[in-house]
All heavy atoms as atom14 arrays in JSON, in Angstrom:
{
  "sequence": "HEDDSQYNRYFSVTLKEGRNREVRRLWEAVGCQVS",
  "atom14_mask": [
    [1, 1, 1, 1, 1, 1, 1, 1, 1, 1, 0, 0, 0, 0],
    [1, 1, 1, 1, 1, 1, 1, 1, 1, 0, 0, 0, 0, 0],
    [1, 1, 1, 1, 1, 1, 1, 1, 0, 0, 0, 0, 0, 0],
    [1, 1, 1, 1, 1, 1, 1, 1, 0, 0, 0, 0, 0, 0],
    [1, 1, 1, 1, 1, 1, 0, 0, 0, 0, 0, 0, 0, 0],
    [1, 1, 1, 1, 1, 1, 1, 1, 1, 0, 0, 0, 0, 0],
    [1, 1, 1, 1, 1, 1, 1, 1, 1, 1, 1, 1, 0, 0],
    [1, 1, 1, 1, 1, 1, 1, 1, 0, 0, 0, 0, 0, 0],
    [1, 1, 1, 1, 1, 1, 1, 1, 1, 1, 1, 0, 0, 0],
    [1, 1, 1, 1, 1, 1, 1, 1, 1, 1, 1, 1, 0, 0],
    [1, 1, 1, 1, 1, 1, 1, 1, 1, 1, 1, 0, 0, 0],
    [1, 1, 1, 1, 1, 1, 0, 0, 0, 0, 0, 0, 0, 0],
    [1, 1, 1, 1, 1, 1, 1, 0, 0, 0, 0, 0, 0, 0],
    [1, 1, 1, 1, 1, 1, 1, 0, 0, 0, 0, 0, 0, 0],
    [1, 1, 1, 1, 1, 1, 1, 1, 0, 0, 0, 0, 0, 0],
    [1, 1, 1, 1, 1, 1, 1, 1, 1, 0, 0, 0, 0, 0],
    [1, 1, 1, 1, 1, 1, 1, 1, 1, 0, 0, 0, 0, 0],
    [1, 1, 1, 1, 0, 0, 0, 0, 0, 0, 0, 0, 0, 0],
    [1, 1, 1, 1, 1, 1, 1, 1, 1, 1, 1, 0, 0, 0],
    [1, 1, 1, 1, 1, 1, 1, 1, 0, 0, 0, 0, 0, 0],
    [1, 1, 1, 1, 1, 1, 1, 1, 1, 1, 1, 0, 0, 0],
    [1, 1, 1, 1, 1, 1, 1, 1, 1, 0, 0, 0, 0, 0],
    [1, 1, 1, 1, 1, 1, 1, 0, 0, 0, 0, 0, 0, 0],
    [1, 1, 1, 1, 1, 1, 1, 1, 1, 1, 1, 0, 0, 0],
    [1, 1, 1, 1, 1, 1, 1, 1, 1, 1, 1, 0, 0, 0],
    [1, 1, 1, 1, 1, 1, 1, 1, 0, 0, 0, 0, 0, 0],
    [1, 1, 1, 1, 1, 1, 1, 1, 1, 1, 1, 1, 1, 1],
    [1, 1, 1, 1, 1, 1, 1, 1, 1, 0, 0, 0, 0, 0],
    [1, 1, 1, 1, 1, 0, 0, 0, 0, 0, 0, 0, 0, 0],
    [1, 1, 1, 1, 1, 1, 1, 0, 0, 0, 0, 0, 0, 0],
    [1, 1, 1, 1, 0, 0, 0, 0, 0, 0, 0, 0, 0, 0],
    [1, 1, 1, 1, 1, 1, 0, 0, 0, 0, 0, 0, 0, 0],
    [1, 1, 1, 1, 1, 1, 1, 1, 1, 0, 0, 0, 0, 0],
    [1, 1, 1, 1, 1, 1, 1, 0, 0, 0, 0, 0, 0, 0],
    [1, 1, 1, 1, 1, 1, 0, 0, 0, 0, 0, 0, 0, 0]
  ],
  "atom14_positions": [
    [[68.67, 64.12, -198.03], [68.39, 65.5, -198.42], [67.02, 65.86, -197.89], [66.08, 65.08, -198.0], [68.42, 65.65, -199.95], [69.71, 65.21, -200.56], [70.87, 65.93, -200.42], [70.04, 64.11, -201.28], [71.85, 65.3, -201.05], [71.38, 64.2, -201.57], [0.0, 0.0, 0.0], [0.0, 0.0, 0.0], [0.0, 0.0, 0.0], [0.0, 0.0, 0.0]],
    [[66.89, 67.04, -197.32], [65.62, 67.47, -196.72], [64.47, 67.46, -197.73], [63.36, 67.15, -197.39], [65.77, 68.87, -196.1], [66.61, 68.89, -194.85], [66.05, 68.02, -193.74], [64.81, 67.97, -193.55], [66.85, 67.39, -193.04], [0.0, 0.0, 0.0], [0.0, 0.0, 0.0], [0.0, 0.0, 0.0], [0.0, 0.0, 0.0], [0.0, 0.0, 0.0]],
    [[64.72, 67.85, -198.97], [63.65, 67.92, -199.96], [63.45, 66.59, -200.69], [62.61, 66.49, -201.57], [63.94, 69.04, -200.97], [65.25, 68.81, -201.71], [66.12, 68.1, -201.19], [65.39, 69.37, -202.82], [0.0, 0.0, 0.0], [0.0, 0.0, 0.0], [0.0, 0.0, 0.0], [0.0, 0.0, 0.0], [0.0, 0.0, 0.0], [0.0, 0.0, 0.0]],
    [[64.16, 65.57, -200.3], [64.1, 64.27, -200.97], [63.04, 63.4, -200.29], [63.2, 62.99, -199.16], [65.47, 63.6, -200.89], [65.61, 62.46, -201.87], [64.62, 62.12, -202.53], [66.73, 61.92, -201.97], [0.0, 0.0, 0.0], [0.0, 0.0, 0.0], [0.0, 0.0, 0.0], [0.0, 0.0, 0.0], [0.0, 0.0, 0.0], [0.0, 0.0, 0.0]],
    [[61.95, 63.14, -200.96], [60.88, 62.34, -200.39], [60.91, 60.9, -200.91], [59.92, 60.2, -200.87], [59.53, 62.99, -200.69], [59.34, 63.01, -202.09], [0.0, 0.0, 0.0], [0.0, 0.0, 0.0], [0.0, 0.0, 0.0], [0.0, 0.0, 0.0], [0.0, 0.0, 0.0], [0.0, 0.0, 0.0], [0.0, 0.0, 0.0], [0.0, 0.0, 0.0]],
    [[62.05, 60.52, -201.42], [62.23, 59.2, -202.01], [61.97, 58.1, -200.98], [62.38, 58.2, -199.84], [63.67, 59.11, -202.47], [63.92, 58.22, -203.63], [65.41, 58.22, -203.93], [66.21, 57.9, -203.07], [65.76, 58.58, -205.13], [0.0, 0.0, 0.0], [0.0, 0.0, 0.0], [0.0, 0.0, 0.0], [0.0, 0.0, 0.0], [0.0, 0.0, 0.0]],
    [[61.26, 57.07, -201.4], [61.1, 55.91, -200.55], [62.29, 54.99, -200.8], [63.14, 55.27, -201.63], [59.77, 55.2, -200.86], [58.63, 55.77, -200.07], [58.41, 57.14, -199.98], [57.76, 54.95, -199.38], [57.38, 57.66, -199.24], [56.72, 55.45, -198.65], [56.53, 56.82, -198.58], [55.5, 57.32, -197.84], [0.0, 0.0, 0.0], [0.0, 0.0, 0.0]],
    [[62.36, 53.91, -200.07], [63.44, 52.95, -200.19], [64.81, 53.57, -199.9], [65.65, 53.71, -200.76], [63.46, 52.26, -201.56], [62.3, 51.34, -201.73], [61.75, 50.83, -200.75], [61.89, 51.11, -202.96], [0.0, 0.0, 0.0], [0.0, 0.0, 0.0], [0.0, 0.0, 0.0], [0.0, 0.0, 0.0], [0.0, 0.0, 0.0], [0.0, 0.0, 0.0]],
    [[64.99, 53.94, -198.67], [66.27, 54.44, -198.19], [67.03, 53.29, -197.54], [66.43, 52.4, -196.95], [66.07, 55.55, -197.19], [65.39, 56.74, -197.78], [65.66, 57.91, -196.85], [65.14, 59.11, -197.41], [65.76, 59.84, -198.31], [66.93, 59.49, -198.75], [65.22, 60.93, -198.77], [0.0, 0.0, 0.0], [0.0, 0.0, 0.0], [0.0, 0.0, 0.0]],
    [[68.35, 53.36, -197.6], [69.2, 52.3, -197.06], [70.03, 52.83, -195.9], [70.59, 53.92, -195.98], [70.14, 51.77, -198.15], [69.39, 51.09, -199.28], [68.86, 51.83, -200.33], [69.2, 49.72, -199.27], [68.17, 51.21, -201.35], [68.51, 49.09, -200.29], [67.99, 49.85, -201.33], [67.3, 49.23, -202.34], [0.0, 0.0, 0.0], [0.0, 0.0, 0.0]],
    [[70.09, 52.01, -194.82], [70.81, 52.4, -193.61], [71.58, 51.21, -193.06], [71.21, 50.05, -193.26], [69.84, 52.88, -192.52], [69.1, 54.12, -192.89], [67.88, 54.04, -193.54], [69.62, 55.37, -192.6], [67.2, 55.18, -193.91], [68.94, 56.52, -192.96], [67.73, 56.42, -193.62], [0.0, 0.0, 0.0], [0.0, 0.0, 0.0], [0.0, 0.0, 0.0]],
    [[72.62, 51.54, -192.33], [73.33, 50.56, -191.51], [72.95, 50.9, -190.07], [73.09, 52.05, -189.65], [74.84, 50.69, -191.7], [75.5, 49.96, -190.7], [0.0, 0.0, 0.0], [0.0, 0.0, 0.0], [0.0, 0.0, 0.0], [0.0, 0.0, 0.0], [0.0, 0.0, 0.0], [0.0, 0.0, 0.0], [0.0, 0.0, 0.0], [0.0, 0.0, 0.0]],
    [[72.43, 49.91, -189.34], [72.05, 50.13, -187.94], [72.75, 49.09, -187.07], [72.98, 47.96, -187.49], [70.52, 50.06, -187.74], [69.83, 51.15, -188.53], [69.96, 48.7, -188.09], [0.0, 0.0, 0.0], [0.0, 0.0, 0.0], [0.0, 0.0, 0.0], [0.0, 0.0, 0.0], [0.0, 0.0, 0.0], [0.0, 0.0, 0.0], [0.0, 0.0, 0.0]],
    [[73.11, 49.52, -185.85], [73.79, 48.63, -184.91], [73.07, 48.71, -183.57], [72.69, 49.79, -183.13], [75.25, 49.07, -184.73], [75.88, 49.1, -186.01], [76.0, 48.1, -183.82], [0.0, 0.0, 0.0], [0.0, 0.0, 0.0], [0.0, 0.0, 0.0], [0.0, 0.0, 0.0], [0.0, 0.0, 0.0], [0.0, 0.0, 0.0], [0.0, 0.0, 0.0]],
    [[72.88, 47.55, -182.97], [72.35, 47.47, -181.61], [73.06, 46.37, -180.86], [73.73, 45.54, -181.46], [70.83, 47.31, -181.58], [70.11, 46.43, -182.59], [70.22, 44.98, -182.26], [68.67, 46.85, -182.63], [0.0, 0.0, 0.0], [0.0, 0.0, 0.0], [0.0, 0.0, 0.0], [0.0, 0.0, 0.0], [0.0, 0.0, 0.0], [0.0, 0.0, 0.0]],
    [[72.92, 46.37, -179.53], [73.67, 45.43, -178.71], [72.78, 44.4, -178.02], [73.2, 43.76, -177.08], [74.49, 46.18, -177.66], [75.63, 46.95, -178.27], [76.45, 47.64, -177.22], [77.56, 48.43, -177.88], [78.2, 49.34, -176.95], [0.0, 0.0, 0.0], [0.0, 0.0, 0.0], [0.0, 0.0, 0.0], [0.0, 0.0, 0.0], [0.0, 0.0, 0.0]],
    [[71.58, 44.29, -178.47], [70.7, 43.24, -177.97], [69.89, 42.75, -179.15], [69.86, 43.39, -180.18], [69.81, 43.74, -176.83], [68.94, 44.9, -177.2], [68.14, 45.41, -176.02], [68.19, 44.81, -174.94], [67.46, 46.41, -176.18], [0.0, 0.0, 0.0], [0.0, 0.0, 0.0], [0.0, 0.0, 0.0], [0.0, 0.0, 0.0], [0.0, 0.0, 0.0]],
    [[69.26, 41.63, -178.98], [68.55, 41.07, -180.12], [67.14, 40.66, -179.77], [66.76, 39.52, -179.93], [0.0, 0.0, 0.0], [0.0, 0.0, 0.0], [0.0, 0.0, 0.0], [0.0, 0.0, 0.0], [0.0, 0.0, 0.0], [0.0, 0.0, 0.0], [0.0, 0.0, 0.0], [0.0, 0.0, 0.0], [0.0, 0.0, 0.0], [0.0, 0.0, 0.0]],
    [[66.36, 41.63, -179.28], [64.97, 41.3, -178.96], [64.2, 40.97, -180.23], [64.58, 41.38, -181.32], [64.3, 42.47, -178.24], [64.77, 42.59, -176.81], [63.95, 43.59, -176.07], [64.56, 44.9, -176.2], [63.96, 46.04, -175.89], [62.73, 46.04, -175.45], [64.6, 47.18, -176.02], [0.0, 0.0, 0.0], [0.0, 0.0, 0.0], [0.0, 0.0, 0.0]],
    [[63.11, 40.27, -180.07], [62.3, 39.81, -181.18], [61.89, 40.96, -182.11], [61.24, 41.9, -181.67], [61.05, 39.1, -180.63], [60.25, 38.42, -181.71], [60.8, 37.97, -182.71], [58.95, 38.36, -181.52], [0.0, 0.0, 0.0], [0.0, 0.0, 0.0], [0.0, 0.0, 0.0], [0.0, 0.0, 0.0], [0.0, 0.0, 0.0], [0.0, 0.0, 0.0]],
    [[62.34, 40.88, -183.36], [61.99, 41.83, -184.41], [62.27, 43.29, -184.02], [61.59, 44.21, -184.44], [60.53, 41.65, -184.82], [60.23, 40.29, -185.41], [58.76, 40.05, -185.7], [58.1, 41.15, -186.37], [58.08, 41.38, -187.68], [58.69, 40.56, -188.48], [57.43, 42.39, -188.18], [0.0, 0.0, 0.0], [0.0, 0.0, 0.0], [0.0, 0.0, 0.0]],
    [[63.31, 43.49, -183.22], [63.59, 44.82, -182.66], [63.88, 45.86, -183.74], [63.39, 47.0, -183.65], [64.75, 44.73, -181.68], [65.01, 45.99, -180.93], [66.05, 45.81, -179.84], [66.7, 44.75, -179.76], [66.23, 46.76, -179.06], [0.0, 0.0, 0.0], [0.0, 0.0, 0.0], [0.0, 0.0, 0.0], [0.0, 0.0, 0.0], [0.0, 0.0, 0.0]],
    [[64.67, 45.52, -184.73], [65.0, 46.48, -185.79], [63.73, 46.91, -186.52], [63.47, 48.1, -186.71], [66.02, 45.89, -186.79], [66.23, 46.81, -187.97], [67.34, 45.61, -186.09], [0.0, 0.0, 0.0], [0.0, 0.0, 0.0], [0.0, 0.0, 0.0], [0.0, 0.0, 0.0], [0.0, 0.0, 0.0], [0.0, 0.0, 0.0], [0.0, 0.0, 0.0]],
    [[62.9, 45.95, -186.89], [61.65, 46.26, -187.6], [60.71, 47.1, -186.73], [60.11, 48.07, -187.21], [60.95, 44.97, -188.03], [61.7, 44.21, -189.09], [60.97, 42.91, -189.44], [61.78, 42.08, -190.3], [61.88, 42.22, -191.6], [61.21, 43.17, -192.22], [62.65, 41.41, -192.31], [0.0, 0.0, 0.0], [0.0, 0.0, 0.0], [0.0, 0.0, 0.0]],
    [[60.6, 46.73, -185.47], [59.68, 47.45, -184.58], [60.12, 48.88, -184.33], [59.3, 49.79, -184.21], [59.49, 46.69, -183.27], [58.75, 45.37, -183.48], [58.43, 44.64, -182.19], [59.63, 44.35, -181.43], [59.74, 44.58, -180.12], [58.75, 45.08, -179.42], [60.86, 44.28, -179.49], [0.0, 0.0, 0.0], [0.0, 0.0, 0.0], [0.0, 0.0, 0.0]],
    [[61.44, 49.12, -184.22], [61.93, 50.49, -184.06], [61.56, 51.35, -185.27], [61.07, 52.48, -185.11], [63.44, 50.5, -183.84], [63.9, 50.29, -182.42], [65.39, 49.95, -182.36], [63.6, 51.51, -181.56], [0.0, 0.0, 0.0], [0.0, 0.0, 0.0], [0.0, 0.0, 0.0], [0.0, 0.0, 0.0], [0.0, 0.0, 0.0], [0.0, 0.0, 0.0]],
    [[61.79, 50.83, -186.46], [61.45, 51.6, -187.66], [59.94, 51.83, -187.76], [59.49, 52.92, -188.13], [61.98, 50.91, -188.92], [63.44, 51.11, -189.12], [64.43, 50.21, -188.91], [64.08, 52.31, -189.57], [65.67, 50.77, -189.19], [65.47, 52.06, -189.6], [63.62, 53.57, -189.95], [66.39, 53.01, -190.0], [64.55, 54.52, -190.35], [65.91, 54.24, -190.37]],
    [[59.16, 50.8, -187.41], [57.7, 50.96, -187.47], [57.23, 52.03, -186.47], [56.26, 52.74, -186.74], [57.02, 49.62, -187.19], [57.15, 48.65, -188.34], [56.74, 47.22, -188.0], [56.27, 46.98, -186.86], [56.89, 46.36, -188.88], [0.0, 0.0, 0.0], [0.0, 0.0, 0.0], [0.0, 0.0, 0.0], [0.0, 0.0, 0.0], [0.0, 0.0, 0.0]],
    [[57.9, 52.13, -185.33], [57.52, 53.12, -184.32], [57.68, 54.56, -184.82], [57.04, 55.47, -184.29], [58.35, 52.91, -183.05], [0.0, 0.0, 0.0], [0.0, 0.0, 0.0], [0.0, 0.0, 0.0], [0.0, 0.0, 0.0], [0.0, 0.0, 0.0], [0.0, 0.0, 0.0], [0.0, 0.0, 0.0], [0.0, 0.0, 0.0], [0.0, 0.0, 0.0]],
    [[58.53, 54.77, -185.83], [58.7, 56.12, -186.4], [57.99, 56.25, -187.75], [58.26, 57.17, -188.51], [60.2, 56.52, -186.52], [60.83, 56.65, -185.15], [60.97, 55.54, -187.39], [0.0, 0.0, 0.0], [0.0, 0.0, 0.0], [0.0, 0.0, 0.0], [0.0, 0.0, 0.0], [0.0, 0.0, 0.0], [0.0, 0.0, 0.0], [0.0, 0.0, 0.0]],
    [[57.09, 55.3, -188.04], [56.27, 55.4, -189.24], [56.9, 54.89, -190.52], [56.45, 55.24, -191.6], [0.0, 0.0, 0.0], [0.0, 0.0, 0.0], [0.0, 0.0, 0.0], [0.0, 0.0, 0.0], [0.0, 0.0, 0.0], [0.0, 0.0, 0.0], [0.0, 0.0, 0.0], [0.0, 0.0, 0.0], [0.0, 0.0, 0.0], [0.0, 0.0, 0.0]],
    [[57.93, 54.06, -190.42], [58.58, 53.52, -191.61], [58.37, 52.02, -191.69], [58.2, 51.35, -190.68], [60.08, 53.82, -191.58], [60.46, 55.58, -191.65], [0.0, 0.0, 0.0], [0.0, 0.0, 0.0], [0.0, 0.0, 0.0], [0.0, 0.0, 0.0], [0.0, 0.0, 0.0], [0.0, 0.0, 0.0], [0.0, 0.0, 0.0], [0.0, 0.0, 0.0]],
    [[58.41, 51.51, -192.89], [58.23, 50.08, -193.13], [59.55, 49.49, -193.62], [60.14, 49.99, -194.58], [57.15, 49.87, -194.2], [56.87, 48.44, -194.54], [56.08, 47.73, -193.45], [55.28, 48.35, -192.75], [56.32, 46.46, -193.29], [0.0, 0.0, 0.0], [0.0, 0.0, 0.0], [0.0, 0.0, 0.0], [0.0, 0.0, 0.0], [0.0, 0.0, 0.0]],
    [[60.02, 48.44, -192.98], [61.23, 47.75, -193.41], [60.87, 46.82, -194.56], [60.0, 45.97, -194.43], [61.87, 46.95, -192.25], [63.02, 46.09, -192.76], [62.34, 47.88, -191.17], [0.0, 0.0, 0.0], [0.0, 0.0, 0.0], [0.0, 0.0, 0.0], [0.0, 0.0, 0.0], [0.0, 0.0, 0.0], [0.0, 0.0, 0.0], [0.0, 0.0, 0.0]],
    [[61.54, 47.0, -195.68], [61.26, 46.13, -196.82], [62.38, 45.13, -197.09], [62.17, 44.17, -197.82], [60.99, 46.97, -198.08], [62.08, 47.81, -198.37], [0.0, 0.0, 0.0], [0.0, 0.0, 0.0], [0.0, 0.0, 0.0], [0.0, 0.0, 0.0], [0.0, 0.0, 0.0], [0.0, 0.0, 0.0], [0.0, 0.0, 0.0], [0.0, 0.0, 0.0]]
  ]
}
């Protein structure tokens, strides 16, 4: 929801390569922290 500023959101993500810490680094690049 656009007005929802709740932290701790849950997602399913899929990628086709497995570079070192790639999922975490992608989220960090957009200002989010993987918990």
